[in-house]
Amino acid sequence: MKLTYDTRYNIAYLMLHEKPAEVETIKVSDELNVDIAPDGTIYGIELLNANDQLLKEDLGKLLVINEATGKRAEVSL
C-alpha cells in the first residue's frame, strides 16, 4: 500500500494494488474517485482537493494503527 500526494495538483492517491491494464475510475463525489477492476478489486482511492480532506482535523498527520496489535505509527504530511 502506498499513499502519494502531488502538491502541484493537490491530489492524494492511496494505492492498494498495482494497477492492471484495465481499471475503471468511478467518481464517488466531486472530491473522491475509486479505481476498480472488472473483478471488483479496488486498486486505488484518489482524493481531489486533498489538503482540505487530509489536513482538517488531524493537523496534517497520518496515523496508521494495527488494530490487532495496537501498534501505531504517525507520519507528518
N, C-alpha and C. Protein backbone atom coordinates (compact mmCIF):
# COMPACT_ATOMS: atom_id res chain seq x y z
N MET A 1 0.85 -1.16 0.00
CA MET A 1 0.00 0.00 0.00
C MET A 1 0.90 1.23 0.00
N LYS A 2 0.49 2.25 -0.76
CA LYS A 2 1.29 3.45 -0.85
C LYS A 2 0.37 4.66 -0.91
N LEU A 3 0.72 5.71 -0.15
CA LEU A 3 -0.01 6.97 -0.18
C LEU A 3 0.90 8.01 -0.81
N THR A 4 0.44 8.64 -1.89
CA THR A 4 1.22 9.70 -2.53
C THR A 4 0.41 10.99 -2.51
N TYR A 5 1.14 12.12 -2.58
CA TYR A 5 0.49 13.42 -2.61
C TYR A 5 1.21 14.29 -3.62
N ASP A 6 0.45 14.87 -4.54
CA ASP A 6 1.00 15.75 -5.57
C ASP A 6 0.62 17.19 -5.22
N THR A 7 1.62 17.97 -4.78
CA THR A 7 1.36 19.35 -4.37
C THR A 7 0.95 20.23 -5.54
N ARG A 8 1.40 19.90 -6.75
CA ARG A 8 1.06 20.72 -7.91
C ARG A 8 -0.44 20.71 -8.18
N TYR A 9 -1.07 19.58 -7.99
CA TYR A 9 -2.49 19.45 -8.30
C TYR A 9 -3.37 19.23 -7.07
N ASN A 10 -2.74 19.16 -5.88
CA ASN A 10 -3.45 18.96 -4.62
C ASN A 10 -4.29 17.67 -4.66
N ILE A 11 -3.63 16.57 -5.09
CA ILE A 11 -4.28 15.27 -5.20
C ILE A 11 -3.50 14.24 -4.39
N ALA A 12 -4.21 13.48 -3.57
CA ALA A 12 -3.61 12.36 -2.84
C ALA A 12 -4.15 11.07 -3.44
N TYR A 13 -3.31 10.02 -3.45
CA TYR A 13 -3.73 8.74 -4.01
C TYR A 13 -3.28 7.62 -3.08
N LEU A 14 -4.22 6.82 -2.65
CA LEU A 14 -3.93 5.65 -1.84
C LEU A 14 -3.97 4.44 -2.76
N MET A 15 -2.77 3.90 -3.08
CA MET A 15 -2.67 2.75 -3.97
C MET A 15 -2.70 1.47 -3.14
N LEU A 16 -3.70 0.66 -3.35
CA LEU A 16 -3.85 -0.59 -2.62
C LEU A 16 -3.16 -1.75 -3.34
N HIS A 17 -3.15 -1.70 -4.68
CA HIS A 17 -2.52 -2.71 -5.53
C HIS A 17 -1.96 -2.00 -6.75
N GLU A 18 -0.99 -2.60 -7.41
CA GLU A 18 -0.53 -2.09 -8.70
C GLU A 18 -1.67 -2.24 -9.69
N LYS A 19 -1.87 -1.22 -10.51
CA LYS A 19 -2.99 -1.24 -11.45
C LYS A 19 -2.71 -2.18 -12.62
N PRO A 20 -3.70 -3.02 -12.95
CA PRO A 20 -3.60 -3.79 -14.19
C PRO A 20 -3.96 -2.88 -15.37
N ALA A 21 -3.92 -3.41 -16.56
CA ALA A 21 -4.21 -2.61 -17.75
C ALA A 21 -5.65 -2.06 -17.74
N GLU A 22 -6.58 -2.84 -17.25
CA GLU A 22 -7.99 -2.42 -17.28
C GLU A 22 -8.49 -2.08 -15.89
N VAL A 23 -8.65 -0.78 -15.65
CA VAL A 23 -9.22 -0.30 -14.40
C VAL A 23 -10.22 0.79 -14.74
N GLU A 24 -11.37 0.72 -14.12
CA GLU A 24 -12.39 1.76 -14.31
C GLU A 24 -12.34 2.72 -13.14
N THR A 25 -12.38 4.02 -13.42
CA THR A 25 -12.42 5.02 -12.36
C THR A 25 -13.87 5.42 -12.14
N ILE A 26 -14.32 5.24 -10.91
CA ILE A 26 -15.69 5.58 -10.54
C ILE A 26 -15.65 6.87 -9.72
N LYS A 27 -16.40 7.87 -10.17
CA LYS A 27 -16.49 9.14 -9.45
C LYS A 27 -17.53 8.99 -8.35
N VAL A 28 -17.07 8.99 -7.11
CA VAL A 28 -17.97 8.84 -5.97
C VAL A 28 -18.56 10.20 -5.59
N SER A 29 -17.73 11.24 -5.66
CA SER A 29 -18.17 12.61 -5.38
C SER A 29 -17.25 13.56 -6.14
N ASP A 30 -17.43 14.86 -5.95
CA ASP A 30 -16.57 15.84 -6.60
C ASP A 30 -15.13 15.75 -6.10
N GLU A 31 -14.91 15.11 -4.95
CA GLU A 31 -13.58 15.06 -4.37
C GLU A 31 -13.05 13.64 -4.16
N LEU A 32 -13.75 12.62 -4.68
CA LEU A 32 -13.34 11.23 -4.43
C LEU A 32 -13.57 10.36 -5.66
N ASN A 33 -12.51 9.70 -6.11
CA ASN A 33 -12.58 8.72 -7.20
C ASN A 33 -12.04 7.39 -6.70
N VAL A 34 -12.59 6.30 -7.21
CA VAL A 34 -12.13 4.96 -6.85
C VAL A 34 -11.80 4.21 -8.13
N ASP A 35 -10.60 3.61 -8.19
CA ASP A 35 -10.19 2.79 -9.32
C ASP A 35 -10.51 1.34 -9.00
N ILE A 36 -11.29 0.70 -9.88
CA ILE A 36 -11.76 -0.66 -9.63
C ILE A 36 -11.59 -1.51 -10.89
N ALA A 37 -11.21 -2.77 -10.70
CA ALA A 37 -11.02 -3.70 -11.82
C ALA A 37 -12.35 -4.40 -12.12
N PRO A 38 -12.45 -5.03 -13.29
CA PRO A 38 -13.69 -5.74 -13.65
C PRO A 38 -14.11 -6.81 -12.64
N ASP A 39 -13.14 -7.39 -11.91
CA ASP A 39 -13.50 -8.42 -10.93
C ASP A 39 -13.92 -7.84 -9.58
N GLY A 40 -13.97 -6.49 -9.48
CA GLY A 40 -14.40 -5.84 -8.24
C GLY A 40 -13.28 -5.44 -7.30
N THR A 41 -12.05 -5.79 -7.63
CA THR A 41 -10.91 -5.42 -6.79
C THR A 41 -10.69 -3.92 -6.84
N ILE A 42 -10.58 -3.29 -5.68
CA ILE A 42 -10.29 -1.86 -5.61
C ILE A 42 -8.78 -1.68 -5.65
N TYR A 43 -8.31 -0.88 -6.60
CA TYR A 43 -6.88 -0.67 -6.78
C TYR A 43 -6.39 0.62 -6.17
N GLY A 44 -7.25 1.61 -6.08
CA GLY A 44 -6.79 2.86 -5.50
C GLY A 44 -7.94 3.81 -5.22
N ILE A 45 -7.64 4.77 -4.34
CA ILE A 45 -8.60 5.80 -3.96
C ILE A 45 -7.92 7.15 -4.15
N GLU A 46 -8.54 8.01 -4.95
CA GLU A 46 -7.97 9.32 -5.26
C GLU A 46 -8.76 10.40 -4.55
N LEU A 47 -8.05 11.25 -3.81
CA LEU A 47 -8.67 12.37 -3.11
C LEU A 47 -8.32 13.66 -3.84
N LEU A 48 -9.31 14.29 -4.44
CA LEU A 48 -9.13 15.59 -5.07
C LEU A 48 -9.32 16.65 -3.99
N ASN A 49 -8.66 17.80 -4.14
CA ASN A 49 -8.70 18.82 -3.10
C ASN A 49 -8.23 18.21 -1.78
N ALA A 50 -7.12 17.50 -1.87
CA ALA A 50 -6.62 16.68 -0.76
C ALA A 50 -6.28 17.47 0.49
N ASN A 51 -5.77 18.70 0.35
CA ASN A 51 -5.43 19.48 1.54
C ASN A 51 -6.62 19.60 2.47
N ASP A 52 -7.78 19.93 1.94
CA ASP A 52 -8.96 20.07 2.77
C ASP A 52 -9.37 18.75 3.41
N GLN A 53 -9.20 17.66 2.69
CA GLN A 53 -9.63 16.36 3.21
C GLN A 53 -8.64 15.76 4.20
N LEU A 54 -7.35 16.00 4.01
CA LEU A 54 -6.34 15.35 4.86
C LEU A 54 -5.87 16.20 6.03
N LEU A 55 -6.01 17.49 5.94
CA LEU A 55 -5.39 18.35 6.95
C LEU A 55 -6.37 19.02 7.90
N LYS A 56 -7.65 18.76 7.77
CA LYS A 56 -8.64 19.47 8.58
C LYS A 56 -8.48 19.23 10.08
N GLU A 57 -8.74 18.04 10.54
CA GLU A 57 -8.85 17.79 11.97
C GLU A 57 -7.58 17.20 12.60
N ASP A 58 -6.71 16.63 11.78
CA ASP A 58 -5.55 15.94 12.34
C ASP A 58 -4.26 16.74 12.24
N LEU A 59 -4.37 18.00 11.85
CA LEU A 59 -3.22 18.89 11.76
C LEU A 59 -2.13 18.36 10.83
N GLY A 60 -2.53 17.68 9.76
CA GLY A 60 -1.57 17.23 8.76
C GLY A 60 -0.78 16.00 9.13
N LYS A 61 -1.31 15.16 10.00
CA LYS A 61 -0.60 13.94 10.40
C LYS A 61 -1.40 12.72 9.98
N LEU A 62 -0.69 11.74 9.44
CA LEU A 62 -1.29 10.47 9.05
C LEU A 62 -0.98 9.47 10.16
N LEU A 63 -2.00 8.88 10.74
CA LEU A 63 -1.83 7.91 11.80
C LEU A 63 -2.21 6.54 11.27
N VAL A 64 -1.28 5.59 11.34
CA VAL A 64 -1.52 4.21 10.92
C VAL A 64 -1.57 3.35 12.17
N ILE A 65 -2.64 2.60 12.33
CA ILE A 65 -2.83 1.78 13.52
C ILE A 65 -3.07 0.33 13.12
N ASN A 66 -2.28 -0.59 13.68
CA ASN A 66 -2.53 -2.01 13.52
C ASN A 66 -3.53 -2.39 14.60
N GLU A 67 -4.78 -2.61 14.22
CA GLU A 67 -5.84 -2.90 15.18
C GLU A 67 -5.59 -4.18 15.97
N ALA A 68 -4.90 -5.15 15.38
CA ALA A 68 -4.64 -6.42 16.06
C ALA A 68 -3.62 -6.27 17.18
N THR A 69 -2.59 -5.46 16.95
CA THR A 69 -1.51 -5.34 17.94
C THR A 69 -1.55 -4.04 18.72
N GLY A 70 -2.27 -3.05 18.20
CA GLY A 70 -2.31 -1.75 18.84
C GLY A 70 -1.11 -0.88 18.47
N LYS A 71 -0.20 -1.41 17.67
CA LYS A 71 0.98 -0.64 17.26
C LYS A 71 0.56 0.53 16.38
N ARG A 72 1.18 1.70 16.64
CA ARG A 72 0.82 2.92 15.94
C ARG A 72 2.05 3.56 15.32
N ALA A 73 1.85 4.19 14.19
CA ALA A 73 2.92 4.96 13.54
C ALA A 73 2.28 6.24 13.02
N GLU A 74 2.99 7.36 13.21
CA GLU A 74 2.47 8.66 12.79
C GLU A 74 3.46 9.29 11.82
N VAL A 75 2.91 9.85 10.73
CA VAL A 75 3.73 10.49 9.71
C VAL A 75 3.16 11.88 9.46
N SER A 76 3.99 12.90 9.43
CA SER A 76 3.53 14.24 9.08
C SER A 76 3.40 14.35 7.58
N LEU A 77 2.32 14.98 7.13
CA LEU A 77 2.08 15.16 5.70
C LEU A 77 2.58 16.49 5.23
